[in-house]
Amino acid sequence: MSKDKKDKIPRLFDGSVDELTKPSKKKAGREDLKKVKKQKTLYISLDVNRKLIELYGDEGRRQSIIVEDSVNLYYYLKKAIGEKNFDELMSAVRREDPEFLREYISKFKL
């Protein structure tokens, strides 16, 4: 084996097993959840992907912000109007008819 290939082999951890299994000595303070970046893996349909791309183009914003706004909207609507009304609203949304949805939302007297 040439010397170049030998240098490219990663070195193994040479510490003890205890160091691997003990919690870190860093203070486990609560970090602001809105500032911590988390990896998002979304499995979405092609139709939802098309809608996300359209929103991204219209809004001129990062996709992650659009997804976070969507999750916040979903979460707080569900909390605000209750489980039954939320399920009815989601069935109206799934019809994918903006006019029907406008009429349905007007019943809420916003």
C-alpha atoms as a PDB file:
ATOM      1  CA  MET A   1       0.000   0.000   0.000  1.00  0.00           C
ATOM      2  CA  SER A   2       1.371   3.397  -0.883  1.00  0.00           C
ATOM      3  CA  LYS A   3       2.121   5.980   1.764  1.00  0.00           C
ATOM      4  CA  ASP A   4      -0.604   8.366   0.439  1.00  0.00           C
ATOM      5  CA  LYS A   5      -3.349   5.800   0.926  1.00  0.00           C
ATOM      6  CA  LYS A   6      -2.048   4.991   4.391  1.00  0.00           C
ATOM      7  CA  ASP A   7      -2.353   8.642   5.436  1.00  0.00           C
ATOM      8  CA  LYS A   8      -5.982   8.826   4.319  1.00  0.00           C
ATOM      9  CA  ILE A   9      -7.203   6.064   6.645  1.00  0.00           C
ATOM     10  CA  PRO A  10      -9.123   7.680   9.506  1.00  0.00           C
ATOM     11  CA  ARG A  11      -7.755   7.214  12.991  1.00  0.00           C
ATOM     12  CA  LEU A  12      -9.851   5.273  15.455  1.00  0.00           C
ATOM     13  CA  PHE A  13     -11.023   6.721  18.775  1.00  0.00           C
ATOM     14  CA  ASP A  14      -8.281   6.059  21.306  1.00  0.00           C
ATOM     15  CA  GLY A  15     -10.166   7.136  24.441  1.00  0.00           C
ATOM     16  CA  SER A  16     -11.930   4.944  26.946  1.00  0.00           C
ATOM     17  CA  VAL A  17     -15.425   3.487  26.685  1.00  0.00           C
ATOM     18  CA  ASP A  18     -16.423   5.586  29.698  1.00  0.00           C
ATOM     19  CA  GLU A  19     -15.809   8.769  27.727  1.00  0.00           C
ATOM     20  CA  LEU A  20     -18.187   7.577  25.045  1.00  0.00           C
ATOM     21  CA  THR A  21     -20.981   6.542  27.399  1.00  0.00           C
ATOM     22  CA  LYS A  22     -20.930   9.410  29.923  1.00  0.00           C
ATOM     23  CA  PRO A  23     -22.965  12.541  29.251  1.00  0.00           C
ATOM     24  CA  SER A  24     -20.957  15.552  28.191  1.00  0.00           C
ATOM     25  CA  LYS A  25     -19.773  17.991  30.816  1.00  0.00           C
ATOM     26  CA  LYS A  26     -21.406  20.933  29.052  1.00  0.00           C
ATOM     27  CA  LYS A  27     -24.191  22.700  30.881  1.00  0.00           C
ATOM     28  CA  ALA A  28     -27.465  21.379  29.602  1.00  0.00           C
ATOM     29  CA  GLY A  29     -29.196  24.762  29.495  1.00  0.00           C
ATOM     30  CA  ARG A  30     -32.406  25.162  27.605  1.00  0.00           C
ATOM     31  CA  GLU A  31     -31.718  26.776  24.265  1.00  0.00           C
ATOM     32  CA  ASP A  32     -34.169  28.994  22.459  1.00  0.00           C
ATOM     33  CA  LEU A  33     -36.132  26.578  20.265  1.00  0.00           C
ATOM     34  CA  LYS A  34     -36.698  29.190  17.583  1.00  0.00           C
ATOM     35  CA  LYS A  35     -32.969  29.690  17.059  1.00  0.00           C
ATOM     36  CA  VAL A  36     -31.810  26.068  17.000  1.00  0.00           C
ATOM     37  CA  LYS A  37     -31.532  24.716  13.481  1.00  0.00           C
ATOM     38  CA  LYS A  38     -32.997  21.249  13.070  1.00  0.00           C
ATOM     39  CA  GLN A  39     -32.805  19.032  10.057  1.00  0.00           C
ATOM     40  CA  LYS A  40     -36.153  18.578   8.369  1.00  0.00           C
ATOM     41  CA  THR A  41     -36.998  15.518   6.337  1.00  0.00           C
ATOM     42  CA  LEU A  42     -40.351  15.890   4.673  1.00  0.00           C
ATOM     43  CA  TYR A  43     -42.024  13.184   2.671  1.00  0.00           C
ATOM     44  CA  ILE A  44     -44.584  15.045   0.582  1.00  0.00           C
ATOM     45  CA  SER A  45     -46.586  14.367  -2.534  1.00  0.00           C
ATOM     46  CA  LEU A  46     -45.604  15.842  -5.867  1.00  0.00           C
ATOM     47  CA  ASP A  47     -48.688  18.071  -5.725  1.00  0.00           C
ATOM     48  CA  VAL A  48     -47.668  19.497  -2.343  1.00  0.00           C
ATOM     49  CA  ASN A  49     -44.140  19.985  -3.672  1.00  0.00           C
ATOM     50  CA  ARG A  50     -45.559  21.973  -6.608  1.00  0.00           C
ATOM     51  CA  LYS A  51     -47.577  24.133  -4.195  1.00  0.00           C
ATOM     52  CA  LEU A  52     -44.511  24.681  -2.020  1.00  0.00           C
ATOM     53  CA  ILE A  53     -42.471  25.778  -5.038  1.00  0.00           C
ATOM     54  CA  GLU A  54     -45.263  28.162  -6.062  1.00  0.00           C
ATOM     55  CA  LEU A  55     -45.393  29.634  -2.551  1.00  0.00           C
ATOM     56  CA  TYR A  56     -41.638  29.949  -2.507  1.00  0.00           C
ATOM     57  CA  GLY A  57     -41.739  31.892  -5.777  1.00  0.00           C
ATOM     58  CA  ASP A  58     -44.611  34.131  -4.658  1.00  0.00           C
ATOM     59  CA  GLU A  59     -43.251  34.839  -1.203  1.00  0.00           C
ATOM     60  CA  GLY A  60     -39.579  35.094  -2.127  1.00  0.00           C
ATOM     61  CA  ARG A  61     -38.740  33.392   1.146  1.00  0.00           C
ATOM     62  CA  ARG A  62     -36.828  30.345   2.231  1.00  0.00           C
ATOM     63  CA  GLN A  63     -38.779  27.104   2.116  1.00  0.00           C
ATOM     64  CA  SER A  64     -37.993  26.404   5.760  1.00  0.00           C
ATOM     65  CA  ILE A  65     -39.796  29.594   6.821  1.00  0.00           C
ATOM     66  CA  ILE A  66     -42.843  28.652   4.755  1.00  0.00           C
ATOM     67  CA  VAL A  67     -42.905  25.182   6.322  1.00  0.00           C
ATOM     68  CA  GLU A  68     -42.539  26.611   9.845  1.00  0.00           C
ATOM     69  CA  ASP A  69     -45.359  29.109   9.203  1.00  0.00           C
ATOM     70  CA  SER A  70     -47.524  26.251   7.929  1.00  0.00           C
ATOM     71  CA  VAL A  71     -46.849  24.130  10.998  1.00  0.00           C
ATOM     72  CA  ASN A  72     -47.605  27.076  13.310  1.00  0.00           C
ATOM     73  CA  LEU A  73     -50.843  27.798  11.439  1.00  0.00           C
ATOM     74  CA  TYR A  74     -51.901  24.144  11.612  1.00  0.00           C
ATOM     75  CA  TYR A  75     -51.022  23.849  15.304  1.00  0.00           C
ATOM     76  CA  TYR A  76     -52.692  27.048  16.530  1.00  0.00           C
ATOM     77  CA  LEU A  77     -55.794  26.630  14.379  1.00  0.00           C
ATOM     78  CA  LYS A  78     -56.271  23.173  15.847  1.00  0.00           C
ATOM     79  CA  LYS A  79     -55.870  24.578  19.375  1.00  0.00           C
ATOM     80  CA  ALA A  80     -58.114  27.593  18.726  1.00  0.00           C
ATOM     81  CA  ILE A  81     -61.129  26.033  17.011  1.00  0.00           C
ATOM     82  CA  GLY A  82     -61.121  22.573  18.554  1.00  0.00           C
ATOM     83  CA  GLU A  83     -60.721  19.080  17.140  1.00  0.00           C
ATOM     84  CA  LYS A  84     -64.162  18.750  15.519  1.00  0.00           C
ATOM     85  CA  ASN A  85     -64.163  22.142  13.782  1.00  0.00           C
ATOM     86  CA  PHE A  86     -60.564  21.622  12.709  1.00  0.00           C
ATOM     87  CA  ASP A  87     -61.405  18.278  11.097  1.00  0.00           C
ATOM     88  CA  GLU A  88     -64.290  19.937   9.231  1.00  0.00           C
ATOM     89  CA  LEU A  89     -61.998  22.751   8.090  1.00  0.00           C
ATOM     90  CA  MET A  90     -59.379  20.275   6.865  1.00  0.00           C
ATOM     91  CA  SER A  91     -62.013  18.371   4.884  1.00  0.00           C
ATOM     92  CA  ALA A  92     -62.958  21.693   3.247  1.00  0.00           C
ATOM     93  CA  VAL A  93     -59.290  22.370   2.483  1.00  0.00           C
ATOM     94  CA  ARG A  94     -58.849  18.912   0.943  1.00  0.00           C
ATOM     95  CA  ARG A  95     -61.523  19.763  -1.617  1.00  0.00           C
ATOM     96  CA  GLU A  96     -58.949  22.165  -3.112  1.00  0.00           C
ATOM     97  CA  ASP A  97     -61.641  24.662  -4.077  1.00  0.00           C
ATOM     98  CA  PRO A  98     -60.708  28.219  -3.021  1.00  0.00           C
ATOM     99  CA  GLU A  99     -64.265  29.585  -3.498  1.00  0.00           C
ATOM    100  CA  PHE A 100     -65.791  26.867  -1.317  1.00  0.00           C
ATOM    101  CA  LEU A 101     -63.120  27.497   1.308  1.00  0.00           C
ATOM    102  CA  ARG A 102     -63.825  31.265   1.297  1.00  0.00           C
ATOM    103  CA  GLU A 103     -67.523  30.587   1.892  1.00  0.00           C
ATOM    104  CA  TYR A 104     -66.740  28.060   4.614  1.00  0.00           C
ATOM    105  CA  ILE A 105     -64.346  30.408   6.434  1.00  0.00           C
ATOM    106  CA  SER A 106     -66.835  33.298   6.223  1.00  0.00           C
ATOM    107  CA  LYS A 107     -69.094  31.246   8.538  1.00  0.00           C
ATOM    108  CA  PHE A 108     -66.486  31.641  11.300  1.00  0.00           C
ATOM    109  CA  LYS A 109     -67.114  35.420  11.432  1.00  0.00           C
ATOM    110  CA  LEU A 110     -63.477  36.414  11.481  1.00  0.00           C
END
